[in-house]
Amino acid sequence: MKLQQLRFLLAVVDNDLNITTAAETLYTSQPGVSKQLRLLEEELGLQIFVRKGKRIDALTSAGERVVKHARAVFQEVDQIRSLADELRGSTSGSLTLATTQTQARYVLPAVIRRFRERFADVDLHLHQGTSEQIGQLLDERAIDFAIVSGSSEPFPDIITLPLYQWDRVIVVPAEHPLAAAAEQPSLAQLVEYPLVTYLFSERPESSLMNAFAAAGLQPRIGFTARDADVIKTYVRNGFGVGILAGMAIEAGVDDDLQVIDAAGLFPRLTTWLGFSRDLLLKQYHCEFIQLLAPHLNEKKLQKICRHPDSDEYRDWLQELQLPLLAGN
């Protein structure tokens, strides 16, 4: 038995047993309504209607009792919807995030500050880790939101929303030979030096290594870390040429380093927000997404929050022009 069949039943009853009129109110076909009513009678083993030829003439006594229970079912459905609206509208609770150090350090502080101004009664918990660790937390339902960069393919069963794009930059001490160059260095020039970059960037499947491989080059990854501040520290100490996210460069803090634009040398990356399909998105969840990605259309975002498992929004997301996040 399906809710749709009970909905069709009540529509026919409420339209004076006229199947054609009921079908019009349901925006479906008359044969479709008739078929579902027949299937309902077959499943129940009851005759719900008194028929004269193809026309419904009345409800049977059993049909009257079925209709009574069907109305009670939809009253409960309405109660469940009201409960969901109440839960979504809650302004207290907790919000648990997992992301990388770069996002936590350079992107989230301003967003979280504005969020706390709106939702002072929501407790925030922030986990930092690698993409693999964050993916495990999502699988274990230990977090609400994951914020990661790169491809969304590692999270095939997760709802993902694109937030922004960013480019890598090259950083060297002021006395480094690349610091005096008038033009952006080539990949061939970069392989002459050990590279200092993010953990796992040395993996063959990383976009960094793919860029070198496409040029027939094999760089030496001399030092890796998950923390952008650690990468900059070791660049300052002469460990090699740093390659990190442009957003990790701070004016007034990193002025001792020469920052070289690497746009075009390496693929532009996208940061995504992901959450489990069965997460009940409360209003403060949606407000957090809006603060993190103000370019997302508010009405469409609210629709996603209410129906996250719908595929309707995917075409809209593909058409989005994402902002480019750079350093401060």
Protein backbone atom coordinates (compact mmCIF):
# COMPACT_ATOMS: atom_id res chain seq x y z
CA MET A 1 0.00 0.00 0.00
CA LYS A 2 1.31 3.41 -0.97
CA LEU A 3 0.51 6.90 0.30
CA GLN A 4 -0.10 7.87 -3.31
CA GLN A 5 -2.92 5.33 -3.57
CA LEU A 6 -4.56 6.68 -0.41
CA ARG A 7 -4.13 10.22 -1.72
CA PHE A 8 -5.86 9.24 -4.97
CA LEU A 9 -8.66 7.59 -2.98
CA LEU A 10 -9.33 10.72 -0.92
CA ALA A 11 -9.18 12.93 -4.01
CA VAL A 12 -11.88 10.86 -5.70
CA VAL A 13 -14.08 10.95 -2.58
CA ASP A 14 -13.58 14.70 -2.16
CA ASN A 15 -14.53 15.30 -5.82
CA ASP A 16 -17.93 13.58 -5.60
CA LEU A 17 -16.52 10.26 -6.87
CA ASN A 18 -15.59 11.86 -10.18
CA ILE A 19 -12.28 10.31 -11.27
CA THR A 20 -11.72 12.78 -14.10
CA THR A 21 -12.04 15.80 -11.80
CA ALA A 22 -9.87 14.10 -9.17
CA ALA A 23 -7.17 13.44 -11.78
CA GLU A 24 -7.20 17.10 -12.77
CA THR A 25 -6.73 18.25 -9.16
CA LEU A 26 -3.87 15.76 -8.81
CA TYR A 27 -2.27 16.85 -12.12
CA THR A 28 -2.26 13.27 -13.36
CA SER A 29 -4.22 11.12 -15.80
CA GLN A 30 -7.61 9.53 -15.25
CA PRO A 31 -6.38 6.06 -16.28
CA GLY A 32 -3.51 6.40 -13.79
CA VAL A 33 -5.93 7.14 -10.94
CA SER A 34 -8.21 4.27 -11.91
CA LYS A 35 -5.27 1.86 -12.06
CA GLN A 36 -4.01 2.82 -8.61
CA LEU A 37 -7.46 2.46 -7.09
CA ARG A 38 -7.78 -1.02 -8.61
CA LEU A 39 -4.37 -1.99 -7.23
CA LEU A 40 -5.40 -0.74 -3.78
CA GLU A 41 -8.56 -2.84 -3.84
CA GLU A 42 -6.59 -5.89 -4.98
CA GLU A 43 -4.01 -5.49 -2.23
CA LEU A 44 -6.64 -5.03 0.47
CA GLY A 45 -8.91 -7.74 -0.90
CA LEU A 46 -11.83 -5.34 -0.50
CA GLN A 47 -14.27 -3.65 -2.83
CA ILE A 48 -14.05 0.03 -1.94
CA PHE A 49 -16.48 1.37 -4.55
CA VAL A 50 -19.88 0.43 -5.89
CA ARG A 51 -19.49 0.63 -9.65
CA LYS A 52 -22.05 0.87 -12.44
CA GLY A 53 -20.12 0.00 -15.56
CA LYS A 54 -17.02 2.19 -15.58
CA ARG A 55 -18.63 4.82 -13.36
CA ILE A 56 -18.19 4.93 -9.58
CA ASP A 57 -21.61 5.23 -7.96
CA ALA A 58 -20.89 5.07 -4.22
CA LEU A 59 -18.60 3.85 -1.46
CA THR A 60 -19.17 0.40 -0.03
CA SER A 61 -19.46 0.12 3.76
CA ALA A 62 -15.90 -1.25 3.77
CA GLY A 63 -14.84 1.65 1.56
CA GLU A 64 -16.25 4.17 4.04
CA ARG A 65 -14.12 2.64 6.79
CA VAL A 66 -11.03 2.63 4.57
CA VAL A 67 -11.58 6.32 3.77
CA LYS A 68 -11.90 7.10 7.49
CA HIS A 69 -8.56 5.45 8.21
CA ALA A 70 -6.95 7.08 5.15
CA ARG A 71 -7.89 10.51 6.49
CA ALA A 72 -6.36 9.59 9.83
CA VAL A 73 -3.16 8.53 8.03
CA PHE A 74 -2.85 11.91 6.34
CA GLN A 75 -3.54 13.72 9.60
CA GLU A 76 -0.50 11.88 11.00
CA VAL A 77 1.49 12.76 7.89
CA ASP A 78 0.67 16.43 8.49
CA GLN A 79 1.78 16.05 12.11
CA ILE A 80 5.09 14.59 10.95
CA ARG A 81 5.57 17.50 8.55
CA SER A 82 4.82 19.95 11.35
CA LEU A 83 7.33 18.18 13.56
CA ALA A 84 9.96 18.39 10.83
CA ASP A 85 9.28 22.12 10.41
CA GLU A 86 9.60 22.58 14.16
CA LEU A 87 12.89 20.69 14.28
CA ARG A 88 14.29 22.55 11.28
CA GLY A 89 13.37 25.87 12.84
CA SER A 90 15.26 25.18 16.06
CA THR A 91 17.77 27.87 17.04
CA SER A 92 19.68 25.73 19.54
CA GLY A 93 21.69 22.54 19.22
CA SER A 94 25.14 21.76 17.88
CA LEU A 95 27.01 22.04 14.60
CA THR A 96 29.99 19.77 13.99
CA LEU A 97 32.42 20.50 11.16
CA ALA A 98 35.45 18.72 9.77
CA THR A 99 37.89 20.40 7.42
CA THR A 100 41.55 20.89 6.61
CA GLN A 101 43.87 23.23 8.50
CA THR A 102 43.92 25.73 5.64
CA GLN A 103 40.14 26.12 5.58
CA ALA A 104 39.92 26.17 9.40
CA ARG A 105 42.68 28.75 9.74
CA TYR A 106 42.05 31.13 6.84
CA VAL A 107 38.39 30.81 5.77
CA LEU A 108 36.16 29.74 8.65
CA PRO A 109 36.96 32.24 11.45
CA ALA A 110 35.01 35.13 9.89
CA VAL A 111 32.12 32.83 8.93
CA ILE A 112 31.92 31.28 12.39
CA ARG A 113 32.04 34.70 14.05
CA ARG A 114 29.00 35.88 12.06
CA PHE A 115 27.25 32.57 12.70
CA ARG A 116 27.72 32.89 16.49
CA GLU A 117 26.24 36.38 16.37
CA ARG A 118 23.04 34.90 14.93
CA PHE A 119 22.94 31.60 16.81
CA ALA A 120 24.49 32.09 20.22
CA ASP A 121 22.84 28.92 21.56
CA VAL A 122 24.35 26.59 18.94
CA ASP A 123 27.51 24.81 20.10
CA LEU A 124 30.24 24.51 17.47
CA HIS A 125 32.75 21.66 17.21
CA LEU A 126 35.59 21.75 14.66
CA HIS A 127 37.67 18.74 13.61
CA GLN A 128 40.77 19.08 11.44
CA GLY A 129 42.21 16.31 9.32
CA THR A 130 43.03 14.96 5.88
CA SER A 131 40.40 14.29 3.24
CA GLU A 132 40.55 10.58 4.11
CA GLN A 133 39.97 11.28 7.79
CA ILE A 134 37.15 13.67 7.03
CA GLY A 135 35.53 11.09 4.75
CA GLN A 136 35.65 8.53 7.55
CA LEU A 137 33.98 10.96 9.95
CA LEU A 138 31.20 11.46 7.40
CA ASP A 139 30.75 7.71 7.00
CA GLU A 140 30.53 7.32 10.77
CA ARG A 141 27.97 10.17 11.01
CA ALA A 142 30.32 11.84 13.49
CA ILE A 143 30.01 15.25 11.82
CA ASP A 144 27.33 17.38 10.20
CA PHE A 145 29.41 19.08 7.51
CA ALA A 146 32.67 18.30 5.75
CA ILE A 147 34.54 21.10 3.98
CA VAL A 148 37.16 19.75 1.59
CA SER A 149 38.96 20.77 -1.59
CA GLY A 150 39.48 18.96 -4.86
CA SER A 151 37.18 16.44 -6.49
CA SER A 152 33.89 15.45 -4.87
CA GLU A 153 34.26 11.93 -6.27
CA PRO A 154 35.63 10.49 -2.98
CA PHE A 155 32.18 11.20 -1.50
CA PRO A 156 29.74 9.55 -3.94
CA ASP A 157 26.94 9.05 -1.40
CA ILE A 158 27.13 12.55 0.03
CA ILE A 159 25.26 15.72 -0.95
CA THR A 160 27.93 18.19 -2.10
CA LEU A 161 27.65 21.94 -2.68
CA PRO A 162 30.47 23.91 -4.34
CA LEU A 163 31.60 26.87 -2.23
CA TYR A 164 34.47 28.63 -3.99
CA GLN A 165 37.57 28.08 -6.10
CA TRP A 166 41.21 28.84 -5.36
CA ASP A 167 44.64 28.73 -6.95
CA ARG A 168 47.98 27.70 -5.56
CA VAL A 169 50.82 30.16 -5.09
CA ILE A 170 54.58 29.68 -5.01
CA VAL A 171 56.44 31.07 -1.99
CA VAL A 172 60.19 31.52 -1.59
CA PRO A 173 62.46 33.54 0.71
CA ALA A 174 63.33 37.00 -0.58
CA GLU A 175 66.89 35.91 -1.40
CA HIS A 176 65.83 32.87 -3.45
CA PRO A 177 66.74 32.92 -7.20
CA LEU A 178 63.04 32.67 -8.18
CA ALA A 179 62.25 35.77 -6.14
CA ALA A 180 64.08 38.01 -8.59
CA ALA A 181 62.49 36.52 -11.72
CA ALA A 182 60.40 38.93 -13.76
CA GLU A 183 58.02 36.21 -14.98
CA GLN A 184 56.18 33.27 -13.51
CA PRO A 185 58.52 30.26 -13.33
CA SER A 186 57.81 27.29 -15.56
CA LEU A 187 57.25 23.75 -14.32
CA ALA A 188 60.69 22.89 -15.76
CA GLN A 189 62.24 25.56 -13.54
CA LEU A 190 60.39 24.35 -10.46
CA VAL A 191 61.71 20.79 -10.74
CA GLU A 192 65.18 22.19 -10.21
CA TYR A 193 64.31 22.76 -6.54
CA PRO A 194 62.87 20.56 -3.77
CA LEU A 195 59.21 21.41 -3.19
CA VAL A 196 57.55 22.06 0.17
CA THR A 197 53.83 21.43 -0.01
CA TYR A 198 50.77 19.74 1.47
CA LEU A 199 50.69 16.21 2.79
CA PHE A 200 49.61 13.72 0.11
CA SER A 201 50.47 16.14 -2.72
CA GLU A 202 53.25 13.75 -3.67
CA ARG A 203 50.71 11.09 -4.58
CA PRO A 204 50.62 10.39 -8.35
CA GLU A 205 46.87 11.05 -8.50
CA SER A 206 47.13 14.55 -6.95
CA SER A 207 46.42 17.49 -9.26
CA LEU A 208 49.86 18.89 -8.43
CA MET A 209 51.68 15.76 -9.61
CA ASN A 210 49.37 15.43 -12.60
CA ALA A 211 50.43 18.87 -13.80
CA PHE A 212 54.10 17.86 -13.74
CA ALA A 213 53.39 14.45 -15.26
CA ALA A 214 51.49 16.06 -18.16
CA ALA A 215 54.65 18.04 -18.91
CA GLY A 216 56.80 14.90 -18.68
CA LEU A 217 58.46 16.09 -15.47
CA GLN A 218 59.10 14.44 -12.11
CA PRO A 219 59.49 16.92 -9.21
CA ARG A 220 61.18 16.20 -5.93
CA ILE A 221 58.82 16.65 -2.99
CA GLY A 222 61.31 17.52 -0.26
CA PHE A 223 58.92 18.22 2.63
CA THR A 224 55.18 17.82 3.24
CA ALA A 225 52.86 18.99 6.00
CA ARG A 226 49.11 19.35 6.44
CA ASP A 227 49.51 22.83 7.96
CA ALA A 228 50.09 25.86 5.68
CA ASP A 229 51.83 27.72 8.49
CA VAL A 230 54.28 24.83 8.88
CA ILE A 231 54.95 24.87 5.13
CA LYS A 232 55.77 28.60 5.25
CA THR A 233 58.02 28.08 8.27
CA TYR A 234 60.10 25.47 6.47
CA VAL A 235 60.29 27.58 3.34
CA ARG A 236 61.74 30.34 5.52
CA ASN A 237 64.28 27.83 6.80
CA GLY A 238 65.48 26.98 3.30
CA PHE A 239 63.87 23.56 2.81
CA GLY A 240 62.73 24.42 -0.70
CA VAL A 241 60.10 26.14 -2.81
CA GLY A 242 56.69 26.27 -1.17
CA ILE A 243 53.48 25.50 -3.06
CA LEU A 244 50.31 26.16 -1.11
CA ALA A 245 46.84 27.72 -1.26
CA GLY A 246 46.69 31.40 -2.13
CA MET A 247 44.22 31.96 0.72
CA ALA A 248 46.98 30.99 3.19
CA ILE A 249 48.99 34.15 2.49
CA GLU A 250 48.46 36.93 5.03
CA ALA A 251 49.39 40.55 4.46
CA GLY A 252 51.58 41.85 7.25
CA VAL A 253 52.46 38.32 8.36
CA ASP A 254 54.06 36.82 5.28
CA ASP A 255 55.66 39.98 3.88
CA ASP A 256 59.11 38.42 4.31
CA LEU A 257 58.24 35.82 1.67
CA GLN A 258 58.11 36.38 -2.06
CA VAL A 259 54.70 35.21 -3.28
CA ILE A 260 54.48 34.20 -6.95
CA ASP A 261 51.16 33.64 -8.69
CA ALA A 262 50.87 30.02 -9.85
CA ALA A 263 47.51 30.36 -11.64
CA GLY A 264 47.65 28.41 -14.88
CA LEU A 265 50.58 26.25 -13.81
CA PHE A 266 48.37 23.97 -11.76
CA PRO A 267 44.64 23.18 -11.97
CA ARG A 268 42.25 25.52 -10.17
CA LEU A 269 40.72 23.74 -7.18
CA THR A 270 37.17 23.79 -5.80
CA THR A 271 36.21 23.67 -2.14
CA TRP A 272 33.04 21.71 -1.40
CA LEU A 273 30.69 21.37 1.52
CA GLY A 274 29.37 17.85 1.99
CA PHE A 275 26.77 16.29 4.27
CA SER A 276 25.00 12.97 4.62
CA ARG A 277 21.75 12.50 2.75
CA ASP A 278 19.93 11.56 5.96
CA LEU A 279 21.04 14.65 7.92
CA LEU A 280 18.05 16.65 9.20
CA LEU A 281 19.02 20.13 8.08
CA LYS A 282 17.85 22.63 10.66
CA GLN A 283 17.52 26.30 9.92
CA TYR A 284 20.89 27.10 11.48
CA HIS A 285 22.56 24.50 9.21
CA CYS A 286 21.17 26.34 6.19
CA GLU A 287 22.17 29.73 7.62
CA PHE A 288 25.72 28.45 8.04
CA ILE A 289 25.85 27.37 4.39
CA GLN A 290 24.51 30.76 3.31
CA LEU A 291 27.19 32.57 5.34
CA LEU A 292 29.90 30.32 3.92
CA ALA A 293 28.63 30.68 0.34
CA PRO A 294 26.62 33.91 -0.02
CA HIS A 295 26.64 33.48 -3.81
CA LEU A 296 24.19 30.58 -3.50
CA ASN A 297 20.63 31.67 -4.29
CA GLU A 298 18.80 31.82 -0.95
CA LYS A 299 15.46 30.46 -2.23
CA LYS A 300 17.11 27.58 -4.04
CA LEU A 301 19.30 26.85 -1.03
CA GLN A 302 16.22 26.65 1.18
CA LYS A 303 14.70 24.19 -1.28
CA ILE A 304 17.85 22.06 -1.12
CA CYS A 305 17.69 22.18 2.68
CA ARG A 306 14.11 20.89 2.66
CA HIS A 307 14.65 18.30 -0.08
CA PRO A 308 18.39 17.50 -0.11
CA ASP A 309 17.92 14.16 -1.88
CA SER A 310 16.31 15.77 -4.92
CA ASP A 311 18.33 15.88 -8.14
CA GLU A 312 16.63 19.08 -9.33
CA TYR A 313 19.37 21.33 -7.98
CA ARG A 314 22.26 19.63 -9.79
CA ASP A 315 21.80 21.49 -13.09
CA TRP A 316 21.58 24.77 -11.20
CA LEU A 317 24.84 24.06 -9.36
CA GLN A 318 26.65 23.29 -12.61
CA GLU A 319 25.70 26.73 -13.94
CA LEU A 320 27.04 28.57 -10.87
CA GLN A 321 29.89 31.03 -11.25
CA LEU A 322 31.95 30.31 -8.15
CA PRO A 323 33.95 33.10 -6.48
CA LEU A 324 37.73 32.90 -6.53
CA LEU A 325 39.26 33.03 -3.06
CA ALA A 326 42.70 34.61 -2.80
CA GLY A 327 45.04 35.64 0.00
CA ASN A 328 44.40 38.43 2.50
